[in-house]
């Protein structure tokens, strides 16, 4: 019950990053990039956040990029599957699902998200993009960038995401009210999972 409730509030990729406006401090910060590529600079909808994880960078990287393990530690991911074998590389694809609660502009649904890796630098950054599709809700293109910066005692994980599409841009204010905490909860779940791993 707790996991289900949290999942409905979290809805990481398809929620906070989908609809939240960037915090004021993020608006003035340099965009996150991986191998020189960042979010869609023209997107009206984007979000950026970060956390400190008290674990080695290789551990944090393995947890975050172990796609098929996401449902075990992310409350809002109900399934995740790699669509190709081997380490993540440019062109790697994965499909995952996350529930989205009903809002005044869309029904409750499950988003099916197909992500394609664009750029990756092991243990330093990864960038993926792709559509998310559910009943009454469609994200034409989301772009998600993650960076991992080793610091004393652990890693600073930063993430920034943008979304484009008519359904998203039609009513972002309503979506923010329901879904803004999602990406922060993704980071909280990542922190908990990585810090629980033995060093």
Protein backbone atom coordinates (compact mmCIF):
# COMPACT_ATOMS: atom_id res chain seq x y z
CA UNK A 1 0.00 0.00 0.00
CA UNK A 2 2.80 2.43 0.94
CA UNK A 3 4.67 1.59 -2.26
CA UNK A 4 1.55 2.09 -4.37
CA UNK A 5 0.74 5.44 -2.74
CA UNK A 6 4.30 6.62 -3.13
CA UNK A 7 4.38 5.46 -6.72
CA UNK A 8 1.33 7.50 -7.57
CA UNK A 9 2.91 10.57 -6.01
CA UNK A 10 6.34 9.94 -7.45
CA UNK A 11 5.94 9.07 -11.12
CA UNK A 12 9.56 9.96 -11.70
CA UNK A 13 10.34 10.37 -15.40
CA UNK A 14 6.79 10.97 -16.43
CA UNK A 15 5.93 13.24 -13.57
CA UNK A 16 8.15 15.85 -12.05
CA UNK A 17 10.43 16.02 -15.02
CA UNK A 18 7.47 15.88 -17.29
CA UNK A 19 5.64 18.84 -15.89
CA UNK A 20 7.61 20.77 -13.31
CA UNK A 21 9.06 24.18 -13.96
CA UNK A 22 12.75 24.49 -13.12
CA UNK A 23 13.53 25.86 -9.65
CA UNK A 24 14.79 29.44 -9.61
CA UNK A 25 18.41 28.47 -8.87
CA UNK A 26 18.40 25.89 -11.67
CA UNK A 27 17.21 28.51 -14.13
CA UNK A 28 20.49 30.40 -13.75
CA UNK A 29 22.76 27.34 -13.61
CA UNK A 30 24.56 26.00 -16.64
CA UNK A 31 22.57 23.21 -18.31
CA UNK A 32 23.68 19.69 -17.52
CA UNK A 33 25.33 17.92 -20.44
CA UNK A 34 26.75 14.54 -21.35
CA UNK A 35 29.43 14.68 -24.02
CA UNK A 36 28.25 18.18 -24.87
CA UNK A 37 24.53 17.36 -25.22
CA UNK A 38 21.81 18.49 -22.81
CA UNK A 39 18.05 18.82 -22.58
CA UNK A 40 15.94 20.43 -25.29
CA UNK A 41 16.70 24.17 -24.83
CA UNK A 42 13.42 25.16 -26.49
CA UNK A 43 11.22 23.01 -24.23
CA UNK A 44 8.67 24.90 -22.14
CA UNK A 45 8.60 22.16 -19.51
CA UNK A 46 11.74 21.10 -17.66
CA UNK A 47 13.06 20.30 -14.20
CA UNK A 48 16.46 19.99 -12.53
CA UNK A 49 17.47 18.59 -9.16
CA UNK A 50 20.39 16.94 -7.36
CA UNK A 51 21.37 14.93 -4.30
CA UNK A 52 24.44 13.68 -2.46
CA UNK A 53 24.87 9.91 -2.27
CA UNK A 54 27.20 8.48 0.34
CA UNK A 55 28.54 5.63 -1.80
CA UNK A 56 31.32 5.07 -4.35
CA UNK A 57 30.62 6.33 -7.86
CA UNK A 58 30.84 2.82 -9.35
CA UNK A 59 28.09 1.65 -6.99
CA UNK A 60 25.81 4.61 -7.78
CA UNK A 61 26.41 4.11 -11.51
CA UNK A 62 25.60 0.39 -11.35
CA UNK A 63 22.35 0.99 -9.48
CA UNK A 64 21.20 3.77 -11.81
CA UNK A 65 22.17 2.08 -15.08
CA UNK A 66 21.02 -1.41 -14.08
CA UNK A 67 17.76 -0.74 -15.92
CA UNK A 68 16.06 -4.07 -15.32
CA UNK A 69 16.61 -3.68 -11.57
CA UNK A 70 14.72 -0.37 -11.39
CA UNK A 71 11.42 -1.85 -10.13
CA UNK A 72 13.24 -3.33 -7.12
CA UNK A 73 14.27 0.07 -5.75
CA UNK A 74 12.10 2.68 -7.51
CA UNK A 75 8.62 2.94 -6.06
CA UNK A 76 7.18 4.39 -9.27
CA UNK A 77 8.61 1.98 -11.83
CA UNK A 78 6.41 -1.05 -12.42
CA UNK A 79 8.49 -2.72 -15.16
CA UNK A 80 11.77 -2.14 -16.99
CA UNK A 81 13.37 -4.09 -19.81
CA UNK A 82 16.50 -3.65 -21.90
CA UNK A 83 15.86 -4.01 -25.62
CA UNK A 84 19.48 -4.88 -26.45
CA UNK A 85 22.32 -6.66 -24.61
CA UNK A 86 25.57 -5.47 -23.08
CA UNK A 87 26.68 -2.26 -21.38
CA UNK A 88 24.71 0.87 -22.17
CA UNK A 89 26.07 2.64 -25.24
CA UNK A 90 24.79 5.22 -27.75
CA UNK A 91 21.79 3.62 -29.42
CA UNK A 92 20.91 1.33 -26.48
CA UNK A 93 17.16 1.17 -25.89
CA UNK A 94 14.99 0.24 -22.92
CA UNK A 95 11.27 0.22 -22.23
CA UNK A 96 9.72 0.88 -18.84
CA UNK A 97 6.36 1.70 -17.30
CA UNK A 98 5.15 4.03 -14.58
CA UNK A 99 1.66 4.80 -13.28
CA UNK A 100 0.27 8.34 -13.51
CA UNK A 101 -2.65 9.45 -11.33
CA UNK A 102 -5.70 11.15 -12.80
CA UNK A 103 -5.63 14.92 -13.14
CA UNK A 104 -8.35 17.34 -14.28
CA UNK A 105 -6.89 17.15 -17.80
CA UNK A 106 -6.09 13.43 -18.09
CA UNK A 107 -7.28 10.07 -16.73
CA UNK A 108 -5.22 7.76 -14.55
CA UNK A 109 -3.00 5.73 -16.84
CA UNK A 110 0.24 3.83 -17.14
CA UNK A 111 2.88 5.45 -19.29
CA UNK A 112 4.96 3.18 -21.51
CA UNK A 113 8.29 4.92 -22.01
CA UNK A 114 10.76 3.87 -24.69
CA UNK A 115 14.14 5.47 -24.06
CA UNK A 116 17.17 5.58 -26.36
CA UNK A 117 20.63 6.40 -25.03
CA UNK A 118 22.22 9.26 -26.93
CA UNK A 119 25.41 9.86 -24.99
CA UNK A 120 27.17 8.01 -22.20
CA UNK A 121 30.43 8.32 -20.31
CA UNK A 122 30.71 5.47 -17.79
CA UNK A 123 30.50 6.61 -14.16
CA UNK A 124 30.26 10.27 -15.24
CA UNK A 125 27.12 10.90 -17.30
CA UNK A 126 24.31 9.50 -19.40
CA UNK A 127 21.66 11.11 -21.60
CA UNK A 128 18.59 9.39 -23.02
CA UNK A 129 15.47 10.50 -24.83
CA UNK A 130 12.22 9.18 -26.23
CA UNK A 131 8.42 9.22 -26.11
CA UNK A 132 6.05 8.18 -23.34
CA UNK A 133 2.54 7.02 -24.23
CA UNK A 134 -0.52 6.30 -22.11
CA UNK A 135 -4.31 6.53 -22.37
CA UNK A 136 -5.14 10.22 -22.72
CA UNK A 137 -1.54 11.33 -22.18
CA UNK A 138 1.39 11.50 -24.56
CA UNK A 139 4.88 12.93 -24.25
CA UNK A 140 6.29 13.34 -27.73
CA UNK A 141 9.91 13.65 -26.65
CA UNK A 142 11.56 13.66 -23.28
CA UNK A 143 15.29 14.29 -22.83
CA UNK A 144 16.92 13.22 -19.57
CA UNK A 145 20.50 13.98 -18.54
CA UNK A 146 22.27 12.54 -15.50
CA UNK A 147 25.72 13.49 -14.18
CA UNK A 148 27.75 11.80 -11.44
CA UNK A 149 30.48 13.86 -9.75
CA UNK A 150 32.71 12.10 -7.18
CA UNK A 151 33.33 14.24 -4.09
CA UNK A 152 34.74 13.51 -0.67
CA UNK A 153 32.59 10.82 0.93
CA UNK A 154 30.43 10.04 -2.07
CA UNK A 155 28.88 11.35 -5.27
CA UNK A 156 26.80 14.37 -6.25
CA UNK A 157 24.12 13.15 -8.65
CA UNK A 158 22.47 15.80 -10.79
CA UNK A 159 19.64 15.32 -13.23
CA UNK A 160 17.83 17.56 -15.69
CA UNK A 161 14.93 16.70 -17.94
CA UNK A 162 12.79 18.35 -20.60
CA UNK A 163 9.53 17.35 -22.26
CA UNK A 164 7.77 18.47 -25.40
CA UNK A 165 4.32 17.68 -26.77
CA UNK A 166 0.95 19.33 -27.16
CA UNK A 167 -0.68 17.40 -24.29
CA UNK A 168 2.09 18.37 -21.88
CA UNK A 169 2.27 22.02 -22.86
CA UNK A 170 -1.53 22.52 -22.82
CA UNK A 171 -1.82 22.51 -19.00
CA UNK A 172 1.53 22.39 -17.19
CA UNK A 173 0.21 24.18 -14.08
CA UNK A 174 -2.22 21.37 -13.26
CA UNK A 175 0.43 18.76 -13.88
CA UNK A 176 2.95 20.50 -11.61
CA UNK A 177 0.48 20.43 -8.72
CA UNK A 178 0.14 16.68 -8.96
CA UNK A 179 3.52 15.50 -10.15
CA UNK A 180 6.35 17.87 -9.24
CA UNK A 181 7.95 15.69 -6.52
CA UNK A 182 8.61 12.76 -8.85
CA UNK A 183 12.16 13.38 -9.94
CA UNK A 184 13.21 14.28 -6.39
CA UNK A 185 11.77 10.96 -5.23
CA UNK A 186 13.71 9.13 -7.96
CA UNK A 187 16.90 10.63 -6.52
CA UNK A 188 15.82 9.76 -2.97
CA UNK A 189 15.22 6.15 -4.03
CA UNK A 190 18.58 6.05 -5.83
CA UNK A 191 20.31 7.39 -2.72
CA UNK A 192 18.66 4.79 -0.49
CA UNK A 193 19.42 1.91 -2.86
CA UNK A 194 23.06 2.87 -3.47
CA UNK A 195 23.83 3.58 0.17
CA UNK A 196 22.39 0.18 1.12
CA UNK A 197 24.84 -1.66 -1.16
CA UNK A 198 27.99 -3.00 0.52
CA UNK A 199 31.11 -1.06 -0.51
